[in-house]
Amino acid sequence: MAMVTVELVYDGDCPNVAQARAQLLRAFERVNLRPRWQEWRCDDPASPAHVRGYGSPTILVDGVDVARAGQEGAAHCRVYRQPDGSMRGIPSVDMIATALTCRQTMNADSRPLVRDGRRPTSPTVRGITDDK
């Protein structure tokens, strides 16, 4: 299966970082992937621009927030709705595992589905981006 890029974005004084790491480990175990991620402090000027502006903690899978929230431009604590409806300062294992599985599947076959649910027979050409 294709490898996914996972990033944990957090503020230096966030009280939920250790729990977010534990949730990441559980999610990787659930989807049978070797746990591997990069950590970035959102308040560190040396962190890449794409991680700034997220609340803490945020987990990105291939650059996409597992909660599907966008950057808000300012450091703040995050809360996540849990499967039971409660709110906590960390994403659920289900949320992370779903993101890992979806992104892994997308990376394995990035060709779009056509209306009847089949993949097109000719490969789709991907665009080239200029990463500066």
N, C-alpha and C. Protein backbone atom coordinates (compact mmCIF):
# COMPACT_ATOMS: atom_id res chain seq x y z
N MET A 1 0.84 -1.19 0.00
CA MET A 1 0.00 0.00 0.00
C MET A 1 0.88 1.25 0.00
N ALA A 2 0.31 2.34 -0.45
CA ALA A 2 1.05 3.59 -0.54
C ALA A 2 1.26 4.20 0.85
N MET A 3 2.38 4.87 1.01
CA MET A 3 2.71 5.52 2.28
C MET A 3 2.00 6.86 2.37
N VAL A 4 1.57 7.21 3.55
CA VAL A 4 0.94 8.51 3.78
C VAL A 4 1.90 9.36 4.61
N THR A 5 1.76 10.66 4.49
CA THR A 5 2.53 11.60 5.30
C THR A 5 1.63 12.09 6.42
N VAL A 6 2.10 11.92 7.65
CA VAL A 6 1.32 12.33 8.81
C VAL A 6 2.12 13.36 9.59
N GLU A 7 1.43 14.43 9.98
CA GLU A 7 2.07 15.50 10.73
C GLU A 7 1.21 15.84 11.95
N LEU A 8 1.87 16.01 13.09
CA LEU A 8 1.22 16.48 14.31
C LEU A 8 1.67 17.91 14.52
N VAL A 9 0.71 18.82 14.52
CA VAL A 9 0.98 20.24 14.70
C VAL A 9 0.48 20.63 16.09
N TYR A 10 1.34 21.27 16.87
CA TYR A 10 0.94 21.59 18.24
C TYR A 10 1.61 22.87 18.71
N ASP A 11 1.04 23.45 19.73
CA ASP A 11 1.59 24.62 20.39
C ASP A 11 2.44 24.12 21.56
N GLY A 12 3.52 24.81 21.86
CA GLY A 12 4.44 24.38 22.90
C GLY A 12 3.83 24.17 24.27
N ASP A 13 2.76 24.87 24.58
CA ASP A 13 2.16 24.71 25.91
C ASP A 13 0.81 23.98 25.86
N CYS A 14 0.56 23.26 24.79
CA CYS A 14 -0.70 22.54 24.65
C CYS A 14 -0.75 21.36 25.63
N PRO A 15 -1.81 21.27 26.43
CA PRO A 15 -1.91 20.17 27.40
C PRO A 15 -2.37 18.85 26.77
N ASN A 16 -2.73 18.85 25.49
CA ASN A 16 -3.29 17.66 24.85
C ASN A 16 -2.33 16.93 23.90
N VAL A 17 -1.09 17.38 23.82
CA VAL A 17 -0.15 16.80 22.85
C VAL A 17 0.13 15.33 23.16
N ALA A 18 0.39 14.99 24.40
CA ALA A 18 0.71 13.59 24.76
C ALA A 18 -0.47 12.68 24.41
N GLN A 19 -1.69 13.13 24.68
CA GLN A 19 -2.87 12.32 24.34
C GLN A 19 -3.04 12.21 22.83
N ALA A 20 -2.71 13.26 22.09
CA ALA A 20 -2.79 13.21 20.63
C ALA A 20 -1.80 12.18 20.08
N ARG A 21 -0.60 12.15 20.65
CA ARG A 21 0.39 11.14 20.24
C ARG A 21 -0.14 9.73 20.51
N ALA A 22 -0.74 9.54 21.67
CA ALA A 22 -1.30 8.22 22.02
C ALA A 22 -2.41 7.83 21.04
N GLN A 23 -3.26 8.79 20.65
CA GLN A 23 -4.31 8.51 19.68
C GLN A 23 -3.72 8.14 18.32
N LEU A 24 -2.66 8.82 17.93
CA LEU A 24 -1.98 8.48 16.68
C LEU A 24 -1.49 7.04 16.70
N LEU A 25 -0.84 6.66 17.79
CA LEU A 25 -0.34 5.28 17.90
C LEU A 25 -1.48 4.27 17.79
N ARG A 26 -2.59 4.53 18.46
CA ARG A 26 -3.75 3.63 18.40
C ARG A 26 -4.32 3.54 16.98
N ALA A 27 -4.39 4.69 16.31
CA ALA A 27 -4.94 4.71 14.94
C ALA A 27 -4.03 3.96 13.97
N PHE A 28 -2.74 4.16 14.07
CA PHE A 28 -1.81 3.41 13.21
C PHE A 28 -1.95 1.91 13.45
N GLU A 29 -2.07 1.53 14.71
CA GLU A 29 -2.25 0.11 15.03
C GLU A 29 -3.55 -0.43 14.44
N ARG A 30 -4.61 0.35 14.56
CA ARG A 30 -5.91 -0.08 14.04
C ARG A 30 -5.89 -0.36 12.54
N VAL A 31 -5.15 0.45 11.79
CA VAL A 31 -5.12 0.28 10.33
C VAL A 31 -3.89 -0.51 9.86
N ASN A 32 -3.19 -1.09 10.81
CA ASN A 32 -2.03 -1.94 10.51
C ASN A 32 -0.94 -1.24 9.72
N LEU A 33 -0.63 -0.01 10.13
CA LEU A 33 0.48 0.73 9.54
C LEU A 33 1.55 0.97 10.60
N ARG A 34 2.78 1.02 10.14
CA ARG A 34 3.87 1.34 11.07
C ARG A 34 3.71 2.80 11.50
N PRO A 35 3.72 3.07 12.80
CA PRO A 35 3.55 4.46 13.25
C PRO A 35 4.74 5.32 12.86
N ARG A 36 4.43 6.38 12.13
CA ARG A 36 5.47 7.30 11.69
C ARG A 36 4.83 8.64 11.38
N TRP A 37 5.34 9.68 12.02
CA TRP A 37 4.84 11.02 11.74
C TRP A 37 5.90 12.06 12.06
N GLN A 38 5.69 13.26 11.54
CA GLN A 38 6.55 14.42 11.77
C GLN A 38 5.81 15.34 12.74
N GLU A 39 6.53 15.93 13.67
CA GLU A 39 5.91 16.88 14.60
C GLU A 39 6.43 18.28 14.33
N TRP A 40 5.49 19.23 14.40
CA TRP A 40 5.82 20.64 14.18
C TRP A 40 5.18 21.48 15.27
N ARG A 41 5.96 22.38 15.83
CA ARG A 41 5.39 23.38 16.76
C ARG A 41 4.87 24.53 15.92
N CYS A 42 3.59 24.82 16.06
CA CYS A 42 3.01 25.89 15.24
C CYS A 42 3.52 27.27 15.66
N ASP A 43 4.11 27.36 16.85
CA ASP A 43 4.64 28.64 17.31
C ASP A 43 6.15 28.77 17.05
N ASP A 44 6.73 27.83 16.30
CA ASP A 44 8.15 27.85 15.97
C ASP A 44 8.34 28.47 14.59
N PRO A 45 9.07 29.57 14.49
CA PRO A 45 9.28 30.20 13.18
C PRO A 45 9.98 29.28 12.17
N ALA A 46 10.66 28.25 12.64
CA ALA A 46 11.34 27.31 11.75
C ALA A 46 10.39 26.26 11.16
N SER A 47 9.17 26.19 11.68
CA SER A 47 8.20 25.23 11.14
C SER A 47 7.75 25.69 9.76
N PRO A 48 7.42 24.73 8.87
CA PRO A 48 7.01 25.12 7.52
C PRO A 48 5.70 25.92 7.52
N ALA A 49 5.57 26.76 6.53
CA ALA A 49 4.40 27.65 6.43
C ALA A 49 3.09 26.88 6.40
N HIS A 50 3.07 25.70 5.80
CA HIS A 50 1.79 24.98 5.65
C HIS A 50 1.22 24.49 6.98
N VAL A 51 2.01 24.51 8.06
CA VAL A 51 1.47 24.06 9.35
C VAL A 51 1.09 25.22 10.27
N ARG A 52 1.43 26.43 9.87
CA ARG A 52 1.08 27.58 10.70
C ARG A 52 -0.39 27.92 10.53
N GLY A 53 -1.00 28.38 11.59
CA GLY A 53 -2.40 28.78 11.52
C GLY A 53 -3.36 27.70 11.97
N TYR A 54 -2.86 26.51 12.26
CA TYR A 54 -3.73 25.46 12.80
C TYR A 54 -3.76 25.57 14.31
N GLY A 55 -4.87 25.16 14.89
CA GLY A 55 -4.97 25.09 16.33
C GLY A 55 -4.19 23.88 16.84
N SER A 56 -4.15 23.74 18.15
CA SER A 56 -3.35 22.68 18.76
C SER A 56 -4.21 21.77 19.62
N PRO A 57 -4.05 20.47 19.42
CA PRO A 57 -3.25 19.80 18.41
C PRO A 57 -4.05 19.59 17.13
N THR A 58 -3.33 19.54 16.02
CA THR A 58 -3.91 19.23 14.71
C THR A 58 -3.13 18.07 14.12
N ILE A 59 -3.84 17.13 13.52
CA ILE A 59 -3.20 16.02 12.82
C ILE A 59 -3.54 16.14 11.35
N LEU A 60 -2.49 16.21 10.53
CA LEU A 60 -2.65 16.30 9.08
C LEU A 60 -2.23 14.97 8.46
N VAL A 61 -3.03 14.46 7.54
CA VAL A 61 -2.69 13.26 6.78
C VAL A 61 -2.61 13.70 5.32
N ASP A 62 -1.42 13.62 4.77
CA ASP A 62 -1.16 14.13 3.41
C ASP A 62 -1.63 15.57 3.27
N GLY A 63 -1.38 16.36 4.32
CA GLY A 63 -1.70 17.78 4.30
C GLY A 63 -3.14 18.13 4.58
N VAL A 64 -3.98 17.12 4.87
CA VAL A 64 -5.40 17.36 5.12
C VAL A 64 -5.70 17.12 6.60
N ASP A 65 -6.34 18.09 7.22
CA ASP A 65 -6.73 17.99 8.63
C ASP A 65 -7.71 16.82 8.81
N VAL A 66 -7.44 15.94 9.78
CA VAL A 66 -8.31 14.77 9.98
C VAL A 66 -9.74 15.18 10.32
N ALA A 67 -9.92 16.38 10.86
CA ALA A 67 -11.26 16.87 11.20
C ALA A 67 -11.86 17.69 10.06
N ARG A 68 -11.12 17.81 8.97
CA ARG A 68 -11.57 18.56 7.79
C ARG A 68 -11.82 20.04 8.09
N ALA A 69 -11.14 20.56 9.11
CA ALA A 69 -11.23 21.99 9.42
C ALA A 69 -10.07 22.69 8.73
N GLY A 70 -10.22 23.94 8.46
CA GLY A 70 -9.14 24.68 7.80
C GLY A 70 -8.29 25.42 8.80
N GLN A 71 -7.28 26.05 8.27
CA GLN A 71 -6.43 26.88 9.11
C GLN A 71 -7.22 28.11 9.51
N GLU A 72 -7.03 28.53 10.75
CA GLU A 72 -7.76 29.69 11.22
C GLU A 72 -6.86 30.90 11.42
N GLY A 73 -5.57 30.73 11.19
CA GLY A 73 -4.66 31.86 11.21
C GLY A 73 -4.13 32.27 12.57
N ALA A 74 -4.61 31.70 13.64
CA ALA A 74 -4.13 32.07 14.96
C ALA A 74 -4.02 30.82 15.82
N ALA A 75 -3.04 30.84 16.70
CA ALA A 75 -2.87 29.70 17.61
C ALA A 75 -4.04 29.67 18.59
N HIS A 76 -4.58 28.49 18.79
CA HIS A 76 -5.67 28.32 19.73
C HIS A 76 -5.80 26.83 20.06
N CYS A 77 -6.49 26.55 21.14
CA CYS A 77 -6.76 25.16 21.51
C CYS A 77 -7.90 24.65 20.64
N ARG A 78 -7.81 23.38 20.27
CA ARG A 78 -8.86 22.79 19.45
C ARG A 78 -9.70 21.84 20.27
N VAL A 79 -10.93 21.68 19.86
CA VAL A 79 -11.79 20.64 20.41
C VAL A 79 -12.36 19.85 19.24
N TYR A 80 -12.59 18.57 19.49
CA TYR A 80 -13.06 17.66 18.46
C TYR A 80 -14.29 16.93 18.97
N ARG A 81 -15.29 16.79 18.11
CA ARG A 81 -16.47 16.00 18.45
C ARG A 81 -16.09 14.53 18.40
N GLN A 82 -16.45 13.81 19.46
CA GLN A 82 -16.16 12.38 19.58
C GLN A 82 -17.34 11.57 19.05
N PRO A 83 -17.13 10.29 18.79
CA PRO A 83 -18.24 9.45 18.28
C PRO A 83 -19.48 9.46 19.18
N ASP A 84 -19.29 9.65 20.50
CA ASP A 84 -20.44 9.67 21.41
C ASP A 84 -21.08 11.05 21.53
N GLY A 85 -20.57 12.02 20.75
CA GLY A 85 -21.14 13.37 20.76
C GLY A 85 -20.44 14.33 21.70
N SER A 86 -19.60 13.82 22.59
CA SER A 86 -18.88 14.70 23.52
C SER A 86 -17.78 15.45 22.78
N MET A 87 -17.22 16.44 23.44
CA MET A 87 -16.12 17.22 22.88
C MET A 87 -14.87 16.99 23.72
N ARG A 88 -13.73 16.78 23.02
CA ARG A 88 -12.44 16.60 23.71
C ARG A 88 -11.37 17.38 22.96
N GLY A 89 -10.25 17.56 23.59
CA GLY A 89 -9.15 18.31 23.01
C GLY A 89 -8.26 17.50 22.07
N ILE A 90 -8.70 16.32 21.70
CA ILE A 90 -7.95 15.47 20.77
C ILE A 90 -8.92 14.80 19.79
N PRO A 91 -8.45 14.51 18.58
CA PRO A 91 -9.31 13.77 17.65
C PRO A 91 -9.46 12.33 18.11
N SER A 92 -10.57 11.72 17.75
CA SER A 92 -10.80 10.31 18.12
C SER A 92 -9.92 9.40 17.29
N VAL A 93 -9.68 8.20 17.79
CA VAL A 93 -8.94 7.19 17.04
C VAL A 93 -9.67 6.91 15.73
N ASP A 94 -11.00 6.83 15.77
CA ASP A 94 -11.79 6.60 14.56
C ASP A 94 -11.53 7.66 13.50
N MET A 95 -11.50 8.91 13.91
CA MET A 95 -11.29 10.01 12.98
C MET A 95 -9.92 9.90 12.31
N ILE A 96 -8.90 9.61 13.12
CA ILE A 96 -7.54 9.50 12.57
C ILE A 96 -7.43 8.27 11.68
N ALA A 97 -7.95 7.14 12.14
CA ALA A 97 -7.88 5.90 11.36
C ALA A 97 -8.59 6.04 10.03
N THR A 98 -9.74 6.71 10.03
CA THR A 98 -10.48 6.93 8.79
C THR A 98 -9.65 7.77 7.82
N ALA A 99 -9.02 8.82 8.33
CA ALA A 99 -8.19 9.67 7.48
C ALA A 99 -7.01 8.87 6.92
N LEU A 100 -6.38 8.06 7.75
CA LEU A 100 -5.25 7.24 7.29
C LEU A 100 -5.69 6.28 6.19
N THR A 101 -6.81 5.63 6.41
CA THR A 101 -7.31 4.65 5.44
C THR A 101 -7.72 5.32 4.14
N CYS A 102 -8.45 6.42 4.23
CA CYS A 102 -8.91 7.13 3.02
C CYS A 102 -7.73 7.65 2.22
N ARG A 103 -6.77 8.27 2.87
CA ARG A 103 -5.62 8.83 2.15
C ARG A 103 -4.76 7.71 1.59
N GLN A 104 -4.62 6.62 2.31
CA GLN A 104 -3.82 5.49 1.83
C GLN A 104 -4.46 4.92 0.57
N THR A 105 -5.77 4.79 0.57
CA THR A 105 -6.49 4.27 -0.59
C THR A 105 -6.38 5.24 -1.76
N MET A 106 -6.51 6.54 -1.50
CA MET A 106 -6.40 7.54 -2.55
C MET A 106 -5.00 7.52 -3.16
N ASN A 107 -3.98 7.38 -2.32
CA ASN A 107 -2.61 7.36 -2.83
C ASN A 107 -2.34 6.10 -3.65
N ALA A 108 -2.97 4.99 -3.28
CA ALA A 108 -2.76 3.74 -4.00
C ALA A 108 -3.38 3.80 -5.39
N ASP A 109 -4.50 4.50 -5.51
CA ASP A 109 -5.15 4.62 -6.81
C ASP A 109 -5.82 5.97 -6.86
N SER A 110 -5.14 6.94 -7.42
CA SER A 110 -5.66 8.31 -7.43
C SER A 110 -6.55 8.60 -8.62
N ARG A 111 -6.82 7.60 -9.43
CA ARG A 111 -7.72 7.83 -10.55
C ARG A 111 -9.15 8.02 -10.03
N PRO A 112 -9.86 9.00 -10.55
CA PRO A 112 -11.22 9.25 -10.07
C PRO A 112 -12.19 8.16 -10.53
N LEU A 113 -13.24 8.00 -9.76
CA LEU A 113 -14.32 7.09 -10.17
C LEU A 113 -15.20 7.78 -11.19
N VAL A 114 -15.70 7.01 -12.14
CA VAL A 114 -16.70 7.55 -13.05
C VAL A 114 -18.07 7.28 -12.44
N ARG A 115 -19.12 7.75 -13.08
CA ARG A 115 -20.46 7.66 -12.48
C ARG A 115 -20.89 6.27 -12.05
N ASP A 116 -20.54 5.25 -12.80
CA ASP A 116 -21.01 3.91 -12.44
C ASP A 116 -20.13 3.24 -11.39
N GLY A 117 -19.16 3.97 -10.81
CA GLY A 117 -18.32 3.43 -9.76
C GLY A 117 -17.08 2.71 -10.24
N ARG A 118 -16.87 2.65 -11.56
CA ARG A 118 -15.67 2.01 -12.09
C ARG A 118 -14.57 3.05 -12.29
N ARG A 119 -13.35 2.57 -12.35
CA ARG A 119 -12.21 3.44 -12.63
C ARG A 119 -12.07 3.56 -14.15
N PRO A 120 -11.63 4.70 -14.65
CA PRO A 120 -11.39 4.82 -16.09
C PRO A 120 -10.29 3.87 -16.52
N THR A 121 -10.31 3.45 -17.77
CA THR A 121 -9.34 2.48 -18.25
C THR A 121 -7.99 3.11 -18.55
N SER A 122 -7.96 4.38 -18.88
CA SER A 122 -6.66 5.02 -19.13
C SER A 122 -6.26 5.79 -17.89
N PRO A 123 -4.96 5.83 -17.58
CA PRO A 123 -4.53 6.53 -16.37
C PRO A 123 -4.76 8.03 -16.48
N THR A 124 -5.00 8.65 -15.35
CA THR A 124 -5.18 10.09 -15.28
C THR A 124 -3.82 10.74 -15.12
N VAL A 125 -3.55 11.80 -15.87
CA VAL A 125 -2.29 12.51 -15.74
C VAL A 125 -2.42 13.49 -14.60
N ARG A 126 -1.48 13.42 -13.66
CA ARG A 126 -1.49 14.33 -12.54
C ARG A 126 -0.80 15.63 -12.93
N GLY A 127 -1.27 16.73 -12.34
CA GLY A 127 -0.63 18.01 -12.57
C GLY A 127 0.68 18.10 -11.81
N ILE A 128 1.53 18.97 -12.24
CA ILE A 128 2.81 19.18 -11.58
C ILE A 128 2.71 20.48 -10.80
N THR A 129 3.13 20.43 -9.55
CA THR A 129 3.10 21.64 -8.73
C THR A 129 4.52 22.12 -8.51
N ASP A 130 4.65 23.39 -8.30
CA ASP A 130 5.95 23.99 -8.05
C ASP A 130 6.07 24.24 -6.56
N ASP A 131 6.77 23.37 -5.86
CA ASP A 131 6.95 23.50 -4.41
C ASP A 131 8.15 24.40 -4.15
N LYS A 132 7.88 25.60 -3.73
CA LYS A 132 8.97 26.55 -3.46
C LYS A 132 9.18 26.66 -1.99
